[in-house]
């Protein structure tokens, strides 16, 4: 499995005075075609904190946030501080790993447990294995992780507001696939409560961001379907 591509970026935005959280997940279609058979893929993620803090403040923020990251993610490692692309803010970044399960509902994929803060399920029905649902799951330590960040950083409301969710889907299959869903933004274009079918040719990629309501539902209820992928569209 090319698990290094399953989940290449999880982005959490932090500021010292007011905190907004964004989670970016990168999935490659070819990695979702085989079941994980009860053993999750440990997919790499990158945690990036962005805010109006100085270089000196970066070490202070690292000292507060790093323990929370280490307790809620596997293979957590501090990567450093840098200027953000906007030239005004700064970023502090970590790399880590999160689990991803791929399997059928009949094999009880829905009962998979996530001990960390986040995880993903890619689930399907055995009668139609070509159509897979991509679900983001709040893990067992999420609430504790959110409270730790709220306590560490003034203005943080992660335990109340949750985090934004963006899925970046890459079609590295030799054939066309279709991504379907609703109530999201696709490459910045908003789509409402109407089912949208997005055909993706070979090497195409899209960024799907859940609406604020969708993201809030996820972190209130514990899970949400980001969308479905049809690997054999008509």
Protein backbone atom coordinates (compact mmCIF):
# COMPACT_ATOMS: atom_id res chain seq x y z
CA UNK A 1 0.00 0.00 0.00
CA UNK A 2 1.26 3.45 -0.82
CA UNK A 3 0.15 4.64 2.58
CA UNK A 4 2.45 7.62 2.35
CA UNK A 5 -0.02 9.07 -0.15
CA UNK A 6 -3.26 8.18 1.67
CA UNK A 7 -3.27 11.11 3.94
CA UNK A 8 -0.53 13.60 3.15
CA UNK A 9 -1.79 16.71 4.91
CA UNK A 10 -3.75 17.44 8.03
CA UNK A 11 -3.61 21.22 8.65
CA UNK A 12 -4.57 22.84 11.93
CA UNK A 13 -4.50 26.65 11.98
CA UNK A 14 -3.70 28.27 15.30
CA UNK A 15 -3.34 31.87 16.45
CA UNK A 16 -2.36 33.24 19.81
CA UNK A 17 -5.39 35.49 20.16
CA UNK A 18 -8.05 33.62 18.19
CA UNK A 19 -7.86 30.09 16.82
CA UNK A 20 -9.42 28.57 13.72
CA UNK A 21 -8.75 24.96 12.83
CA UNK A 22 -8.54 23.45 9.36
CA UNK A 23 -7.95 19.78 8.58
CA UNK A 24 -6.76 18.91 5.07
CA UNK A 25 -6.78 15.25 4.06
CA UNK A 26 -5.17 14.04 0.85
CA UNK A 27 -6.40 10.73 -0.59
CA UNK A 28 -5.18 8.85 -3.67
CA UNK A 29 -7.85 6.76 -5.36
CA UNK A 30 -5.62 3.74 -6.06
CA UNK A 31 -4.88 3.34 -2.34
CA UNK A 32 -8.59 2.89 -1.60
CA UNK A 33 -9.09 -0.19 -3.79
CA UNK A 34 -7.76 -2.77 -1.30
CA UNK A 35 -9.11 -3.61 2.15
CA UNK A 36 -6.91 -2.95 5.15
CA UNK A 37 -8.35 -6.18 6.67
CA UNK A 38 -8.69 -4.94 10.22
CA UNK A 39 -5.28 -3.29 10.40
CA UNK A 40 -5.33 0.46 9.77
CA UNK A 41 -2.93 2.17 7.47
CA UNK A 42 -0.73 4.57 9.43
CA UNK A 43 -1.03 7.54 7.13
CA UNK A 44 1.31 10.52 7.47
CA UNK A 45 -0.10 13.93 8.29
CA UNK A 46 1.31 17.40 8.70
CA UNK A 47 0.04 19.65 11.49
CA UNK A 48 0.61 23.33 10.82
CA UNK A 49 -0.18 26.14 13.22
CA UNK A 50 -0.59 29.56 11.62
CA UNK A 51 -0.84 32.84 13.47
CA UNK A 52 0.54 36.30 14.20
CA UNK A 53 3.34 35.28 16.52
CA UNK A 54 7.05 36.06 16.50
CA UNK A 55 9.87 33.60 15.96
CA UNK A 56 10.50 33.64 19.70
CA UNK A 57 6.83 32.86 20.36
CA UNK A 58 7.09 29.83 18.11
CA UNK A 59 9.11 27.87 20.67
CA UNK A 60 6.61 28.79 23.38
CA UNK A 61 3.73 27.58 21.22
CA UNK A 62 5.64 24.41 20.42
CA UNK A 63 6.13 23.74 24.12
CA UNK A 64 2.38 24.02 24.75
CA UNK A 65 1.07 22.21 21.69
CA UNK A 66 3.63 19.44 21.18
CA UNK A 67 2.59 17.33 24.22
CA UNK A 68 -1.05 17.38 23.06
CA UNK A 69 -0.01 16.33 19.54
CA UNK A 70 2.16 13.52 20.88
CA UNK A 71 -0.66 12.15 23.01
CA UNK A 72 -3.23 12.18 20.20
CA UNK A 73 -1.18 11.24 17.12
CA UNK A 74 1.38 8.57 16.38
CA UNK A 75 4.92 9.36 15.22
CA UNK A 76 4.58 13.05 16.13
CA UNK A 77 7.64 15.11 15.27
CA UNK A 78 8.31 18.85 15.38
CA UNK A 79 9.31 20.13 11.94
CA UNK A 80 10.05 23.78 12.62
CA UNK A 81 8.85 27.36 12.24
CA UNK A 82 8.61 29.44 9.08
CA UNK A 83 6.94 32.47 7.55
CA UNK A 84 3.52 31.77 6.11
CA UNK A 85 2.94 32.28 2.36
CA UNK A 86 1.03 35.50 3.09
CA UNK A 87 4.25 37.03 4.44
CA UNK A 88 2.53 38.30 7.60
CA UNK A 89 1.80 35.27 9.76
CA UNK A 90 4.11 32.51 10.87
CA UNK A 91 3.65 28.76 10.95
CA UNK A 92 4.74 26.06 13.39
CA UNK A 93 4.56 22.54 11.98
CA UNK A 94 4.55 18.92 13.09
CA UNK A 95 4.47 15.66 11.19
CA UNK A 96 2.54 12.67 12.55
CA UNK A 97 0.42 9.67 11.54
CA UNK A 98 -3.29 8.83 11.68
CA UNK A 99 -5.14 5.55 10.95
CA UNK A 100 -7.25 4.85 7.86
CA UNK A 101 -9.46 1.74 7.50
CA UNK A 102 -10.74 0.45 4.15
CA UNK A 103 -13.35 -2.35 4.08
CA UNK A 104 -16.97 -3.43 3.72
CA UNK A 105 -19.90 -2.78 6.03
CA UNK A 106 -20.55 -6.54 6.07
CA UNK A 107 -17.09 -7.04 7.57
CA UNK A 108 -18.07 -4.52 10.27
CA UNK A 109 -15.74 -1.78 9.07
CA UNK A 110 -18.03 0.66 10.90
CA UNK A 111 -17.00 -0.77 14.25
CA UNK A 112 -13.35 0.22 13.75
CA UNK A 113 -11.99 2.16 16.71
CA UNK A 114 -9.77 5.21 16.57
CA UNK A 115 -7.78 5.81 19.74
CA UNK A 116 -6.25 9.07 18.55
CA UNK A 117 -7.87 12.38 17.67
CA UNK A 118 -8.83 11.57 14.07
CA UNK A 119 -9.26 8.73 11.61
CA UNK A 120 -10.92 7.84 8.32
CA UNK A 121 -13.18 5.05 7.15
CA UNK A 122 -13.49 4.17 3.47
CA UNK A 123 -16.47 1.81 3.47
CA UNK A 124 -18.59 -0.01 0.90
CA UNK A 125 -21.37 -2.57 0.56
CA UNK A 126 -20.29 -5.93 -0.85
CA UNK A 127 -23.02 -5.84 -3.50
CA UNK A 128 -21.61 -2.61 -4.93
CA UNK A 129 -17.88 -2.66 -4.00
CA UNK A 130 -17.02 -0.05 -6.62
CA UNK A 131 -18.81 2.69 -4.64
CA UNK A 132 -17.00 3.67 -1.46
CA UNK A 133 -18.00 6.19 1.20
CA UNK A 134 -15.28 8.37 2.67
CA UNK A 135 -16.01 9.10 6.32
CA UNK A 136 -14.08 11.29 8.72
CA UNK A 137 -14.24 9.98 12.30
CA UNK A 138 -13.63 11.80 15.56
CA UNK A 139 -11.37 9.56 17.63
CA UNK A 140 -11.50 8.65 21.31
CA UNK A 141 -8.94 11.28 22.33
CA UNK A 142 -10.36 14.13 20.22
CA UNK A 143 -12.29 15.82 23.04
CA UNK A 144 -9.28 15.66 25.33
CA UNK A 145 -7.00 16.89 22.53
CA UNK A 146 -9.33 19.83 21.82
CA UNK A 147 -9.46 20.79 25.50
CA UNK A 148 -5.67 20.64 25.73
CA UNK A 149 -5.36 23.08 22.82
CA UNK A 150 -8.05 25.32 24.31
CA UNK A 151 -6.13 25.41 27.59
CA UNK A 152 -2.78 25.96 25.88
CA UNK A 153 -3.76 28.82 23.58
CA UNK A 154 -5.85 31.88 24.47
CA UNK A 155 -8.84 32.22 22.15
CA UNK A 156 -8.92 28.57 21.12
CA UNK A 157 -12.46 27.14 20.87
CA UNK A 158 -11.73 23.82 19.25
CA UNK A 159 -13.78 21.86 21.79
CA UNK A 160 -16.79 24.05 20.91
CA UNK A 161 -16.39 24.86 17.23
CA UNK A 162 -14.51 21.81 15.99
CA UNK A 163 -12.35 22.04 12.88
CA UNK A 164 -12.93 22.67 9.21
CA UNK A 165 -12.49 19.68 6.91
CA UNK A 166 -11.00 19.67 3.42
CA UNK A 167 -10.54 16.53 1.33
CA UNK A 168 -8.05 16.62 -1.52
CA UNK A 169 -8.79 13.71 -3.83
CA UNK A 170 -6.31 12.60 -6.50
CA UNK A 171 -7.31 10.27 -9.31
CA UNK A 172 -4.18 8.23 -10.00
CA UNK A 173 -6.25 5.41 -11.54
CA UNK A 174 -5.98 4.57 -15.25
CA UNK A 175 -9.70 5.26 -15.69
CA UNK A 176 -12.21 7.96 -14.83
CA UNK A 177 -13.80 8.00 -11.36
CA UNK A 178 -16.70 10.03 -9.96
CA UNK A 179 -16.85 11.84 -6.63
CA UNK A 180 -20.35 12.60 -5.32
CA UNK A 181 -21.72 14.61 -2.39
CA UNK A 182 -23.37 17.84 -1.29
CA UNK A 183 -23.06 20.80 1.06
CA UNK A 184 -19.45 21.59 0.31
CA UNK A 185 -17.08 23.81 -1.65
CA UNK A 186 -15.17 22.27 -4.56
CA UNK A 187 -12.03 24.16 -5.53
CA UNK A 188 -13.66 27.21 -3.92
CA UNK A 189 -17.04 26.88 -5.66
CA UNK A 190 -19.99 26.42 -3.25
CA UNK A 191 -22.53 23.63 -3.74
CA UNK A 192 -25.71 23.47 -1.67
CA UNK A 193 -28.01 20.68 -0.54
CA UNK A 194 -28.15 19.04 -3.98
CA UNK A 195 -26.26 15.90 -4.95
CA UNK A 196 -23.27 16.78 -7.14
CA UNK A 197 -21.47 14.22 -9.32
CA UNK A 198 -17.96 15.27 -10.25
CA UNK A 199 -16.27 13.28 -13.01
CA UNK A 200 -12.52 13.01 -12.53
CA UNK A 201 -10.31 12.00 -15.42
CA UNK A 202 -6.90 10.40 -14.98
CA UNK A 203 -4.50 12.62 -12.97
CA UNK A 204 -7.32 15.00 -12.02
CA UNK A 205 -7.58 16.26 -8.45
CA UNK A 206 -10.12 18.27 -6.50
CA UNK A 207 -10.32 19.97 -3.12
CA UNK A 208 -13.61 19.43 -1.32
CA UNK A 209 -14.25 21.54 1.77
CA UNK A 210 -17.20 20.83 4.04
CA UNK A 211 -19.50 23.70 4.88
CA UNK A 212 -19.27 25.15 8.38
CA UNK A 213 -22.49 23.33 9.26
CA UNK A 214 -21.08 20.06 7.98
CA UNK A 215 -17.87 20.47 9.95
CA UNK A 216 -19.83 21.36 13.09
CA UNK A 217 -22.04 18.28 12.64
CA UNK A 218 -18.96 16.09 12.34
CA UNK A 219 -17.44 17.18 15.61
CA UNK A 220 -20.79 17.24 17.42
CA UNK A 221 -22.00 13.82 16.27
CA UNK A 222 -18.60 12.17 15.92
CA UNK A 223 -18.61 11.24 12.23
CA UNK A 224 -19.76 12.41 8.83
CA UNK A 225 -19.62 11.23 5.22
CA UNK A 226 -17.49 13.59 3.18
CA UNK A 227 -18.63 12.00 -0.07
CA UNK A 228 -18.59 8.82 -2.15
CA UNK A 229 -16.23 7.62 -4.86
CA UNK A 230 -17.50 5.52 -7.77
CA UNK A 231 -14.60 3.58 -9.29
CA UNK A 232 -16.71 2.26 -12.20
CA UNK A 233 -18.91 5.15 -13.31
CA UNK A 234 -21.17 4.64 -16.31
